[in-house]
Amino acid sequence: MEHTFKTFGTMLDCSRNAVMTAESVKRWVDLTAKLGCNTLHLYMEDTYEVDGRRYFRIIDYKTGHKDFDYAELLYGKNLQMLLYLFALESYQRRAGTPMQPAGVLYVPGRCDMVKLKPGEDPAQADAERQKDLRRKGLLLNDEAVLHAMEAYEKKPQYLPFAPGPDGLIGDLASPAQLAELERFVNGQVEAMIDEILSGATAPNPIDRGPSDSECKYCDFSSACHKDVCGVNARRFASVTPEEFWQALERRLEHG
């Protein structure tokens, strides 16, 4: 079967009570390949229970490089995993089975080859490859829950945090901060909906430089009348996690 899409495929739910066996996945790949599919995505939610309280996290497997960028969140970009996280939390709460969000993670879906110069130690390649396997995301700052995600002793190998002199440091959030983030994400989505319904169509791309601009890969660039409309590009710099939470608090307080 032929189609006009560059990538065409399905997503399999690998959450609890819906996990396919390896043989079933192989049969699914064979079947969908005959239908013209060339892509397979895996979707999963992890859950963990401690002292009668359930926690869950959202995982997104990426075959390319993907960072958890705090600056992009402030401008309403890459909210997908957080929307999944808070939508599931809201659903479970309404269903009478509340669960505490434990975070979101981008997980590498491939292991790239590492180039070494003649004479270089092969152990260096292992160290570089190990760095690429480190997850990117935001996790609940709860040591019991973090240990459930990775059984580390002194320092985690895969999770995006490390021990510090005064506690854990890295991409971590308290339950109160996650609640603030949920309010912010919901507000961003509501603002987007209002803007769409208002009919606003003026070009307003995010532009962080020549190599990181929304215009670079835009499917509508050939139809964009920059000379007539006037592009109001949004430019912003990177922010640290501390700066992000401070900015988030100010936005929620002042609107």
C-alpha atoms as a PDB file:
ATOM      1  CA  MET A   1       0.000   0.000   0.000  1.00  0.00           C
ATOM      2  CA  GLU A   2       1.360   3.462  -0.897  1.00  0.00           C
ATOM      3  CA  HIS A   3       0.622   6.787   0.797  1.00  0.00           C
ATOM      4  CA  THR A   4       1.819  10.379   0.606  1.00  0.00           C
ATOM      5  CA  PHE A   5       2.935  10.736   4.230  1.00  0.00           C
ATOM      6  CA  LYS A   6       6.652  10.505   5.054  1.00  0.00           C
ATOM      7  CA  THR A   7       5.869   8.730   8.303  1.00  0.00           C
ATOM      8  CA  PHE A   8       2.762   6.635   8.756  1.00  0.00           C
ATOM      9  CA  GLY A   9       2.101   4.310  11.640  1.00  0.00           C
ATOM     10  CA  THR A  10       0.342   3.390  14.856  1.00  0.00           C
ATOM     11  CA  MET A  11       0.779   3.859  18.602  1.00  0.00           C
ATOM     12  CA  LEU A  12       0.568   0.932  21.011  1.00  0.00           C
ATOM     13  CA  ASP A  13      -0.600   1.422  24.586  1.00  0.00           C
ATOM     14  CA  CYS A  14       1.915  -0.220  26.930  1.00  0.00           C
ATOM     15  CA  SER A  15       0.262   0.926  30.144  1.00  0.00           C
ATOM     16  CA  ARG A  16      -0.972  -1.363  32.877  1.00  0.00           C
ATOM     17  CA  ASN A  17      -3.418  -4.083  31.774  1.00  0.00           C
ATOM     18  CA  ALA A  18      -2.595  -3.354  28.137  1.00  0.00           C
ATOM     19  CA  VAL A  19       0.932  -4.713  27.601  1.00  0.00           C
ATOM     20  CA  MET A  20       1.524  -6.726  24.423  1.00  0.00           C
ATOM     21  CA  THR A  21       4.030  -9.570  24.416  1.00  0.00           C
ATOM     22  CA  ALA A  22       7.163  -9.338  22.273  1.00  0.00           C
ATOM     23  CA  GLU A  23       5.714 -11.858  19.801  1.00  0.00           C
ATOM     24  CA  SER A  24       2.483  -9.868  19.526  1.00  0.00           C
ATOM     25  CA  VAL A  25       4.437  -6.708  18.776  1.00  0.00           C
ATOM     26  CA  LYS A  26       6.393  -8.529  16.047  1.00  0.00           C
ATOM     27  CA  ARG A  27       3.154  -9.730  14.445  1.00  0.00           C
ATOM     28  CA  TRP A  28       1.754  -6.199  14.691  1.00  0.00           C
ATOM     29  CA  VAL A  29       4.838  -4.761  12.962  1.00  0.00           C
ATOM     30  CA  ASP A  30       4.508  -7.318  10.140  1.00  0.00           C
ATOM     31  CA  LEU A  31       0.798  -6.600   9.719  1.00  0.00           C
ATOM     32  CA  THR A  32       1.079  -2.794   9.741  1.00  0.00           C
ATOM     33  CA  ALA A  33       4.109  -2.901   7.405  1.00  0.00           C
ATOM     34  CA  LYS A  34       1.943  -4.663   4.828  1.00  0.00           C
ATOM     35  CA  LEU A  35      -0.539  -1.799   5.195  1.00  0.00           C
ATOM     36  CA  GLY A  36       2.182   0.740   4.379  1.00  0.00           C
ATOM     37  CA  CYS A  37       3.201   1.738   7.903  1.00  0.00           C
ATOM     38  CA  ASN A  38       6.813   2.664   8.567  1.00  0.00           C
ATOM     39  CA  THR A  39       6.523   3.937  12.149  1.00  0.00           C
ATOM     40  CA  LEU A  40       5.590   2.418  15.492  1.00  0.00           C
ATOM     41  CA  HIS A  41       5.188   4.461  18.669  1.00  0.00           C
ATOM     42  CA  LEU A  42       4.966   3.067  22.194  1.00  0.00           C
ATOM     43  CA  TYR A  43       2.909   4.897  24.820  1.00  0.00           C
ATOM     44  CA  MET A  44       3.079   4.055  28.483  1.00  0.00           C
ATOM     45  CA  GLU A  45       2.229   5.321  31.943  1.00  0.00           C
ATOM     46  CA  ASP A  46       4.117   4.069  34.991  1.00  0.00           C
ATOM     47  CA  THR A  47       2.321   3.706  38.315  1.00  0.00           C
ATOM     48  CA  TYR A  48       3.701   3.096  41.790  1.00  0.00           C
ATOM     49  CA  GLU A  49       1.953   2.749  45.138  1.00  0.00           C
ATOM     50  CA  VAL A  50       3.375   3.553  48.570  1.00  0.00           C
ATOM     51  CA  ASP A  51       1.449   3.724  51.842  1.00  0.00           C
ATOM     52  CA  GLY A  52      -1.838   3.399  49.954  1.00  0.00           C
ATOM     53  CA  ARG A  53      -1.110   6.358  47.677  1.00  0.00           C
ATOM     54  CA  ARG A  54      -0.645   5.877  43.956  1.00  0.00           C
ATOM     55  CA  TYR A  55       1.853   7.792  41.837  1.00  0.00           C
ATOM     56  CA  PHE A  56       2.228   7.832  38.075  1.00  0.00           C
ATOM     57  CA  ARG A  57       4.525   9.306  35.446  1.00  0.00           C
ATOM     58  CA  ILE A  58       4.325   9.822  31.691  1.00  0.00           C
ATOM     59  CA  ILE A  59       7.125   8.577  29.414  1.00  0.00           C
ATOM     60  CA  ASP A  60       7.717   9.646  25.826  1.00  0.00           C
ATOM     61  CA  TYR A  61      10.247   7.646  23.818  1.00  0.00           C
ATOM     62  CA  LYS A  62      12.265   9.764  21.371  1.00  0.00           C
ATOM     63  CA  THR A  63      14.455   8.499  18.541  1.00  0.00           C
ATOM     64  CA  GLY A  64      15.967  11.980  18.149  1.00  0.00           C
ATOM     65  CA  HIS A  65      17.479  14.481  20.554  1.00  0.00           C
ATOM     66  CA  LYS A  66      14.918  16.103  22.853  1.00  0.00           C
ATOM     67  CA  ASP A  67      15.480  18.445  25.793  1.00  0.00           C
ATOM     68  CA  PHE A  68      13.102  19.454  28.553  1.00  0.00           C
ATOM     69  CA  ASP A  69      13.312  23.207  27.942  1.00  0.00           C
ATOM     70  CA  TYR A  70      11.930  25.453  30.691  1.00  0.00           C
ATOM     71  CA  ALA A  71      11.970  28.546  28.459  1.00  0.00           C
ATOM     72  CA  GLU A  72       9.775  26.816  25.878  1.00  0.00           C
ATOM     73  CA  LEU A  73       7.243  25.923  28.565  1.00  0.00           C
ATOM     74  CA  LEU A  74       6.910  29.575  29.519  1.00  0.00           C
ATOM     75  CA  TYR A  75       5.939  30.335  25.909  1.00  0.00           C
ATOM     76  CA  GLY A  76       3.443  27.496  25.587  1.00  0.00           C
ATOM     77  CA  LYS A  77       5.622  25.160  23.545  1.00  0.00           C
ATOM     78  CA  ASN A  78       6.081  21.402  24.049  1.00  0.00           C
ATOM     79  CA  LEU A  79       3.265  21.041  26.569  1.00  0.00           C
ATOM     80  CA  GLN A  80       2.182  17.638  25.260  1.00  0.00           C
ATOM     81  CA  MET A  81       3.548  15.396  28.011  1.00  0.00           C
ATOM     82  CA  LEU A  82       2.397  17.767  30.743  1.00  0.00           C
ATOM     83  CA  LEU A  83      -1.087  17.842  29.224  1.00  0.00           C
ATOM     84  CA  TYR A  84      -1.159  14.035  29.339  1.00  0.00           C
ATOM     85  CA  LEU A  85       0.038  14.107  32.942  1.00  0.00           C
ATOM     86  CA  PHE A  86      -2.529  16.586  34.228  1.00  0.00           C
ATOM     87  CA  ALA A  87      -5.390  15.227  32.098  1.00  0.00           C
ATOM     88  CA  LEU A  88      -4.876  11.761  33.589  1.00  0.00           C
ATOM     89  CA  GLU A  89      -4.636  13.217  37.081  1.00  0.00           C
ATOM     90  CA  SER A  90      -7.913  15.118  36.546  1.00  0.00           C
ATOM     91  CA  TYR A  91      -9.656  12.035  35.179  1.00  0.00           C
ATOM     92  CA  GLN A  92      -8.535   9.832  38.083  1.00  0.00           C
ATOM     93  CA  ARG A  93      -9.655  12.481  40.576  1.00  0.00           C
ATOM     94  CA  ARG A  94     -13.124  12.717  39.022  1.00  0.00           C
ATOM     95  CA  ALA A  95     -13.342   8.920  38.924  1.00  0.00           C
ATOM     96  CA  GLY A  96     -12.754   8.764  42.681  1.00  0.00           C
ATOM     97  CA  THR A  97      -9.329   7.103  42.360  1.00  0.00           C
ATOM     98  CA  PRO A  98      -6.881  10.017  42.751  1.00  0.00           C
ATOM     99  CA  MET A  99      -3.215   9.603  41.857  1.00  0.00           C
ATOM    100  CA  GLN A 100      -0.256  11.923  42.464  1.00  0.00           C
ATOM    101  CA  PRO A 101       1.716  12.965  39.368  1.00  0.00           C
ATOM    102  CA  ALA A 102       5.324  11.792  39.692  1.00  0.00           C
ATOM    103  CA  GLY A 103       6.650  13.531  36.577  1.00  0.00           C
ATOM    104  CA  VAL A 104       7.349  13.304  32.877  1.00  0.00           C
ATOM    105  CA  LEU A 105      10.377  11.924  31.050  1.00  0.00           C
ATOM    106  CA  TYR A 106      11.757  11.916  27.537  1.00  0.00           C
ATOM    107  CA  VAL A 107      13.502   8.554  27.140  1.00  0.00           C
ATOM    108  CA  PRO A 108      16.035   7.890  24.348  1.00  0.00           C
ATOM    109  CA  GLY A 109      14.632   5.368  21.895  1.00  0.00           C
ATOM    110  CA  ARG A 110      17.935   4.603  20.200  1.00  0.00           C
ATOM    111  CA  CYS A 111      21.645   4.307  20.932  1.00  0.00           C
ATOM    112  CA  ASP A 112      23.798   6.174  18.428  1.00  0.00           C
ATOM    113  CA  MET A 113      27.278   5.139  17.364  1.00  0.00           C
ATOM    114  CA  VAL A 114      30.102   7.106  18.966  1.00  0.00           C
ATOM    115  CA  LYS A 115      33.065   8.048  16.787  1.00  0.00           C
ATOM    116  CA  LEU A 116      36.546   7.596  18.223  1.00  0.00           C
ATOM    117  CA  LYS A 117      39.827   8.810  16.817  1.00  0.00           C
ATOM    118  CA  PRO A 118      42.610   6.272  16.280  1.00  0.00           C
ATOM    119  CA  GLY A 119      44.214   5.433  19.599  1.00  0.00           C
ATOM    120  CA  GLU A 120      41.374   6.689  21.789  1.00  0.00           C
ATOM    121  CA  ASP A 121      40.234   4.527  24.684  1.00  0.00           C
ATOM    122  CA  PRO A 122      37.041   2.534  23.873  1.00  0.00           C
ATOM    123  CA  ALA A 123      35.893   3.237  27.441  1.00  0.00           C
ATOM    124  CA  GLN A 124      35.449   6.846  26.365  1.00  0.00           C
ATOM    125  CA  ALA A 125      32.795   5.713  23.878  1.00  0.00           C
ATOM    126  CA  ASP A 126      30.939   3.937  26.676  1.00  0.00           C
ATOM    127  CA  ALA A 127      31.013   7.116  28.768  1.00  0.00           C
ATOM    128  CA  GLU A 128      29.666   9.215  25.879  1.00  0.00           C
ATOM    129  CA  ARG A 129      26.969   6.653  25.123  1.00  0.00           C
ATOM    130  CA  GLN A 130      25.966   6.578  28.775  1.00  0.00           C
ATOM    131  CA  LYS A 131      25.458  10.360  28.778  1.00  0.00           C
ATOM    132  CA  ASP A 132      23.073  10.024  25.833  1.00  0.00           C
ATOM    133  CA  LEU A 133      20.958   7.548  27.800  1.00  0.00           C
ATOM    134  CA  ARG A 134      20.246  10.050  30.574  1.00  0.00           C
ATOM    135  CA  ARG A 135      16.557  10.998  30.637  1.00  0.00           C
ATOM    136  CA  LYS A 136      15.272  14.554  30.259  1.00  0.00           C
ATOM    137  CA  GLY A 137      12.187  15.739  32.092  1.00  0.00           C
ATOM    138  CA  LEU A 138      10.692  16.828  35.392  1.00  0.00           C
ATOM    139  CA  LEU A 139      10.141  14.569  38.407  1.00  0.00           C
ATOM    140  CA  LEU A 140       8.435  14.733  41.793  1.00  0.00           C
ATOM    141  CA  ASN A 141      10.929  15.542  44.547  1.00  0.00           C
ATOM    142  CA  ASP A 142      10.200  12.494  46.672  1.00  0.00           C
ATOM    143  CA  GLU A 143      13.098  10.118  47.406  1.00  0.00           C
ATOM    144  CA  ALA A 144      10.901   7.045  47.849  1.00  0.00           C
ATOM    145  CA  VAL A 145       9.266   7.619  44.470  1.00  0.00           C
ATOM    146  CA  LEU A 146      12.600   8.432  42.803  1.00  0.00           C
ATOM    147  CA  HIS A 147      14.128   5.212  44.161  1.00  0.00           C
ATOM    148  CA  ALA A 148      11.166   3.325  42.694  1.00  0.00           C
ATOM    149  CA  MET A 149      12.080   4.773  39.276  1.00  0.00           C
ATOM    150  CA  GLU A 150      15.761   3.841  39.609  1.00  0.00           C
ATOM    151  CA  ALA A 151      17.397   1.834  42.389  1.00  0.00           C
ATOM    152  CA  TYR A 152      20.446   4.070  42.816  1.00  0.00           C
ATOM    153  CA  GLU A 153      22.853   4.205  45.760  1.00  0.00           C
ATOM    154  CA  LYS A 154      24.812   7.468  45.701  1.00  0.00           C
ATOM    155  CA  LYS A 155      23.815   8.959  42.361  1.00  0.00           C
ATOM    156  CA  PRO A 156      21.236   7.994  39.696  1.00  0.00           C
ATOM    157  CA  GLN A 157      22.560   6.897  36.330  1.00  0.00           C
ATOM    158  CA  TYR A 158      19.524   7.724  34.192  1.00  0.00           C
ATOM    159  CA  LEU A 159      17.303  10.217  36.038  1.00  0.00           C
ATOM    160  CA  PRO A 160      17.839  14.006  35.696  1.00  0.00           C
ATOM    161  CA  PHE A 161      18.966  14.890  39.221  1.00  0.00           C
ATOM    162  CA  ALA A 162      21.876  14.406  41.609  1.00  0.00           C
ATOM    163  CA  PRO A 163      22.561  14.672  45.342  1.00  0.00           C
ATOM    164  CA  GLY A 164      23.631  18.130  46.507  1.00  0.00           C
ATOM    165  CA  PRO A 165      25.026  19.525  49.747  1.00  0.00           C
ATOM    166  CA  ASP A 166      21.539  20.494  50.949  1.00  0.00           C
ATOM    167  CA  GLY A 167      19.468  17.767  49.295  1.00  0.00           C
ATOM    168  CA  LEU A 168      18.633  16.674  45.785  1.00  0.00           C
ATOM    169  CA  ILE A 169      19.242  19.083  42.897  1.00  0.00           C
ATOM    170  CA  GLY A 170      18.152  18.911  39.266  1.00  0.00           C
ATOM    171  CA  ASP A 171      14.876  18.743  37.379  1.00  0.00           C
ATOM    172  CA  LEU A 172      12.649  18.204  40.399  1.00  0.00           C
ATOM    173  CA  ALA A 173       9.399  19.745  41.647  1.00  0.00           C
ATOM    174  CA  SER A 174       7.436  19.618  44.868  1.00  0.00           C
ATOM    175  CA  PRO A 175       3.721  18.659  44.853  1.00  0.00           C
ATOM    176  CA  ALA A 176       2.885  22.358  45.300  1.00  0.00           C
ATOM    177  CA  GLN A 177       5.033  23.290  42.285  1.00  0.00           C
ATOM    178  CA  LEU A 178       3.377  20.609  40.155  1.00  0.00           C
ATOM    179  CA  ALA A 179      -0.006  22.019  41.155  1.00  0.00           C
ATOM    180  CA  GLU A 180       1.160  25.490  40.067  1.00  0.00           C
ATOM    181  CA  LEU A 181       2.419  24.024  36.809  1.00  0.00           C
ATOM    182  CA  GLU A 182      -0.970  22.394  36.186  1.00  0.00           C
ATOM    183  CA  ARG A 183      -2.713  25.774  36.620  1.00  0.00           C
ATOM    184  CA  PHE A 184      -0.231  27.382  34.259  1.00  0.00           C
ATOM    185  CA  VAL A 185      -0.527  24.698  31.550  1.00  0.00           C
ATOM    186  CA  ASN A 186      -4.329  24.790  31.675  1.00  0.00           C
ATOM    187  CA  GLY A 187      -4.196  28.581  31.405  1.00  0.00           C
ATOM    188  CA  GLN A 188      -1.888  28.382  28.398  1.00  0.00           C
ATOM    189  CA  VAL A 189      -4.255  26.012  26.597  1.00  0.00           C
ATOM    190  CA  GLU A 190      -7.270  28.212  27.373  1.00  0.00           C
ATOM    191  CA  ALA A 191      -5.393  31.251  26.002  1.00  0.00           C
ATOM    192  CA  MET A 192      -4.527  29.353  22.810  1.00  0.00           C
ATOM    193  CA  ILE A 193      -8.165  28.357  22.312  1.00  0.00           C
ATOM    194  CA  ASP A 194      -9.328  31.951  22.830  1.00  0.00           C
ATOM    195  CA  GLU A 195      -6.778  33.182  20.299  1.00  0.00           C
ATOM    196  CA  ILE A 196      -7.839  30.615  17.703  1.00  0.00           C
ATOM    197  CA  LEU A 197     -11.525  31.425  18.180  1.00  0.00           C
ATOM    198  CA  SER A 198     -10.775  35.137  17.873  1.00  0.00           C
ATOM    199  CA  GLY A 199      -9.463  34.562  14.362  1.00  0.00           C
ATOM    200  CA  ALA A 200      -5.953  35.811  15.092  1.00  0.00           C
ATOM    201  CA  THR A 201      -3.694  34.591  12.270  1.00  0.00           C
ATOM    202  CA  ALA A 202      -0.775  37.048  12.292  1.00  0.00           C
ATOM    203  CA  PRO A 203       2.631  35.307  12.080  1.00  0.00           C
ATOM    204  CA  ASN A 204       4.001  35.029  15.609  1.00  0.00           C
ATOM    205  CA  PRO A 205       6.801  32.431  15.511  1.00  0.00           C
ATOM    206  CA  ILE A 206       9.276  31.554  18.226  1.00  0.00           C
ATOM    207  CA  ASP A 207      12.764  32.549  17.068  1.00  0.00           C
ATOM    208  CA  ARG A 208      15.806  31.617  19.154  1.00  0.00           C
ATOM    209  CA  GLY A 209      18.365  32.138  16.407  1.00  0.00           C
ATOM    210  CA  PRO A 210      19.171  30.948  12.854  1.00  0.00           C
ATOM    211  CA  SER A 211      19.429  27.296  13.886  1.00  0.00           C
ATOM    212  CA  ASP A 212      16.373  27.288  16.161  1.00  0.00           C
ATOM    213  CA  SER A 213      13.487  29.095  14.507  1.00  0.00           C
ATOM    214  CA  GLU A 214       9.932  27.908  13.967  1.00  0.00           C
ATOM    215  CA  CYS A 215      10.119  29.421  10.463  1.00  0.00           C
ATOM    216  CA  LYS A 216      12.938  27.091   9.429  1.00  0.00           C
ATOM    217  CA  TYR A 217      10.773  23.997   8.990  1.00  0.00           C
ATOM    218  CA  CYS A 218       7.339  25.613   8.673  1.00  0.00           C
ATOM    219  CA  ASP A 219       5.095  23.847   6.138  1.00  0.00           C
ATOM    220  CA  PHE A 220       3.429  27.179   5.307  1.00  0.00           C
ATOM    221  CA  SER A 221       6.562  29.248   4.669  1.00  0.00           C
ATOM    222  CA  SER A 222       5.778  29.512   0.961  1.00  0.00           C
ATOM    223  CA  ALA A 223       2.400  31.088   1.783  1.00  0.00           C
ATOM    224  CA  CYS A 224       3.679  33.398   4.515  1.00  0.00           C
ATOM    225  CA  HIS A 225       3.453  37.046   3.374  1.00  0.00           C
ATOM    226  CA  LYS A 226       6.100  38.437   5.698  1.00  0.00           C
ATOM    227  CA  ASP A 227       6.345  41.621   3.665  1.00  0.00           C
ATOM    228  CA  VAL A 228       2.616  42.339   4.128  1.00  0.00           C
ATOM    229  CA  CYS A 229       1.740  40.933   7.540  1.00  0.00           C
ATOM    230  CA  GLY A 230       4.879  41.794   9.425  1.00  0.00           C
ATOM    231  CA  VAL A 231       6.222  38.908  11.483  1.00  0.00           C
ATOM    232  CA  ASN A 232       6.149  39.534  15.226  1.00  0.00           C
ATOM    233  CA  ALA A 233       8.725  36.970  16.268  1.00  0.00           C
ATOM    234  CA  ARG A 234       8.956  35.894  19.892  1.00  0.00           C
ATOM    235  CA  ARG A 235      12.563  35.822  21.081  1.00  0.00           C
ATOM    236  CA  PHE A 236      13.595  34.538  24.459  1.00  0.00           C
ATOM    237  CA  ALA A 237      16.685  33.240  26.216  1.00  0.00           C
ATOM    238  CA  SER A 238      17.196  30.048  28.154  1.00  0.00           C
ATOM    239  CA  VAL A 239      16.148  29.999  31.802  1.00  0.00           C
ATOM    240  CA  THR A 240      17.321  27.912  34.737  1.00  0.00           C
ATOM    241  CA  PRO A 241      14.840  25.800  36.719  1.00  0.00           C
ATOM    242  CA  GLU A 242      14.979  28.377  39.541  1.00  0.00           C
ATOM    243  CA  GLU A 243      14.202  31.228  37.128  1.00  0.00           C
ATOM    244  CA  PHE A 244      11.375  29.179  35.627  1.00  0.00           C
ATOM    245  CA  TRP A 245       9.593  28.615  38.941  1.00  0.00           C
ATOM    246  CA  GLN A 246      10.026  32.278  39.881  1.00  0.00           C
ATOM    247  CA  ALA A 247       8.560  33.401  36.544  1.00  0.00           C
ATOM    248  CA  LEU A 248       5.728  30.898  36.875  1.00  0.00           C
ATOM    249  CA  GLU A 249       4.821  32.223  40.316  1.00  0.00           C
ATOM    250  CA  ARG A 250       4.795  35.820  39.035  1.00  0.00           C
ATOM    251  CA  ARG A 251       2.579  34.927  36.068  1.00  0.00           C
ATOM    252  CA  LEU A 252       0.077  33.067  38.220  1.00  0.00           C
ATOM    253  CA  GLU A 253      -0.028  35.932  40.703  1.00  0.00           C
ATOM    254  CA  HIS A 254      -0.302  38.808  38.238  1.00  0.00           C
ATOM    255  CA  GLY A 255      -1.812  37.068  35.209  1.00  0.00           C
END
